[in-house]
């Protein structure tokens, strides 16, 4: 009976290893999606600030001429 218990334990190790890899993959994908969403938001904010800076720069240039 003891050898059957050890055999069962060794048989479940590859399944646990597969689940561990699968879990890490899902975690990694979720982290990438969150990072990309945050990056997109920050890029949009930066573009809005650059647009405002360009408008202010053009307005200041027009008043000098």
C-alpha atoms as a PDB file:
ATOM      1  CA  UNK A   1       0.000   0.000   0.000  1.00  0.00           C
ATOM      2  CA  UNK A   2       2.883   2.335   0.727  1.00  0.00           C
ATOM      3  CA  UNK A   3       4.355   1.916  -2.769  1.00  0.00           C
ATOM      4  CA  UNK A   4       0.979   2.756  -4.331  1.00  0.00           C
ATOM      5  CA  UNK A   5       0.823   5.963  -2.304  1.00  0.00           C
ATOM      6  CA  UNK A   6       4.277   6.994  -3.513  1.00  0.00           C
ATOM      7  CA  UNK A   7       3.329   6.142  -7.094  1.00  0.00           C
ATOM      8  CA  UNK A   8       0.231   8.336  -6.801  1.00  0.00           C
ATOM      9  CA  UNK A   9       2.300  11.161  -5.385  1.00  0.00           C
ATOM     10  CA  UNK A  10       4.800  10.979  -8.258  1.00  0.00           C
ATOM     11  CA  UNK A  11       1.962  10.753 -10.771  1.00  0.00           C
ATOM     12  CA  UNK A  12       0.415  14.001  -9.550  1.00  0.00           C
ATOM     13  CA  UNK A  13       3.670  16.012  -9.670  1.00  0.00           C
ATOM     14  CA  UNK A  14       3.516  16.649 -13.461  1.00  0.00           C
ATOM     15  CA  UNK A  15      -0.106  17.787 -13.140  1.00  0.00           C
ATOM     16  CA  UNK A  16       0.838  20.216 -10.360  1.00  0.00           C
ATOM     17  CA  UNK A  17       3.793  21.437 -12.424  1.00  0.00           C
ATOM     18  CA  UNK A  18       1.488  22.018 -15.419  1.00  0.00           C
ATOM     19  CA  UNK A  19      -1.012  23.919 -13.245  1.00  0.00           C
ATOM     20  CA  UNK A  20       1.811  26.027 -11.806  1.00  0.00           C
ATOM     21  CA  UNK A  21       3.015  26.980 -15.286  1.00  0.00           C
ATOM     22  CA  UNK A  22      -0.555  27.682 -16.397  1.00  0.00           C
ATOM     23  CA  UNK A  23      -1.186  29.866 -13.341  1.00  0.00           C
ATOM     24  CA  UNK A  24       2.025  31.804 -13.921  1.00  0.00           C
ATOM     25  CA  UNK A  25       1.064  32.316 -17.572  1.00  0.00           C
ATOM     26  CA  UNK A  26      -2.371  33.668 -16.650  1.00  0.00           C
ATOM     27  CA  UNK A  27      -0.836  35.958 -14.012  1.00  0.00           C
ATOM     28  CA  UNK A  28       1.744  37.211 -16.517  1.00  0.00           C
ATOM     29  CA  UNK A  29      -0.916  37.951 -19.165  1.00  0.00           C
ATOM     30  CA  UNK A  30      -3.077  39.847 -16.644  1.00  0.00           C
ATOM     31  CA  UNK A  31      -0.072  41.932 -15.539  1.00  0.00           C
ATOM     32  CA  UNK A  32       0.779  42.759 -19.176  1.00  0.00           C
ATOM     33  CA  UNK A  33      -2.811  43.836 -19.882  1.00  0.00           C
ATOM     34  CA  UNK A  34      -2.863  46.074 -16.800  1.00  0.00           C
ATOM     35  CA  UNK A  35       0.499  47.580 -17.744  1.00  0.00           C
ATOM     36  CA  UNK A  36      -0.625  48.280 -21.316  1.00  0.00           C
ATOM     37  CA  UNK A  37      -3.860  49.919 -20.119  1.00  0.00           C
ATOM     38  CA  UNK A  38      -1.930  52.169 -17.744  1.00  0.00           C
ATOM     39  CA  UNK A  39       0.600  52.980 -20.459  1.00  0.00           C
ATOM     40  CA  UNK A  40      -2.158  53.903 -22.900  1.00  0.00           C
ATOM     41  CA  UNK A  41      -3.754  56.212 -20.325  1.00  0.00           C
ATOM     42  CA  UNK A  42      -0.442  57.922 -19.565  1.00  0.00           C
ATOM     43  CA  UNK A  43       0.334  58.284 -23.278  1.00  0.00           C
ATOM     44  CA  UNK A  44      -3.031  59.947 -23.875  1.00  0.00           C
ATOM     45  CA  UNK A  45      -2.414  62.374 -21.014  1.00  0.00           C
ATOM     46  CA  UNK A  46       1.047  63.175 -22.379  1.00  0.00           C
ATOM     47  CA  UNK A  47      -0.363  63.794 -25.858  1.00  0.00           C
ATOM     48  CA  UNK A  48      -3.005  66.144 -24.436  1.00  0.00           C
ATOM     49  CA  UNK A  49      -0.312  68.081 -22.568  1.00  0.00           C
ATOM     50  CA  UNK A  50       1.833  68.264 -25.698  1.00  0.00           C
ATOM     51  CA  UNK A  51      -1.133  69.570 -27.703  1.00  0.00           C
ATOM     52  CA  UNK A  52      -1.734  72.242 -25.070  1.00  0.00           C
ATOM     53  CA  UNK A  53       1.964  73.158 -25.070  1.00  0.00           C
ATOM     54  CA  UNK A  54       1.934  73.473 -28.875  1.00  0.00           C
ATOM     55  CA  UNK A  55      -1.165  75.697 -28.754  1.00  0.00           C
ATOM     56  CA  UNK A  56       0.386  77.922 -26.085  1.00  0.00           C
ATOM     57  CA  UNK A  57       3.643  78.075 -28.034  1.00  0.00           C
ATOM     58  CA  UNK A  58       1.854  79.065 -31.255  1.00  0.00           C
ATOM     59  CA  UNK A  59      -0.265  81.632 -29.434  1.00  0.00           C
ATOM     60  CA  UNK A  60       2.817  83.190 -27.858  1.00  0.00           C
ATOM     61  CA  UNK A  61       4.618  83.216 -31.195  1.00  0.00           C
ATOM     62  CA  UNK A  62       1.678  84.946 -32.919  1.00  0.00           C
ATOM     63  CA  UNK A  63       1.566  87.709 -30.306  1.00  0.00           C
ATOM     64  CA  UNK A  64       5.304  88.402 -30.676  1.00  0.00           C
ATOM     65  CA  UNK A  65       5.101  88.897 -34.478  1.00  0.00           C
END
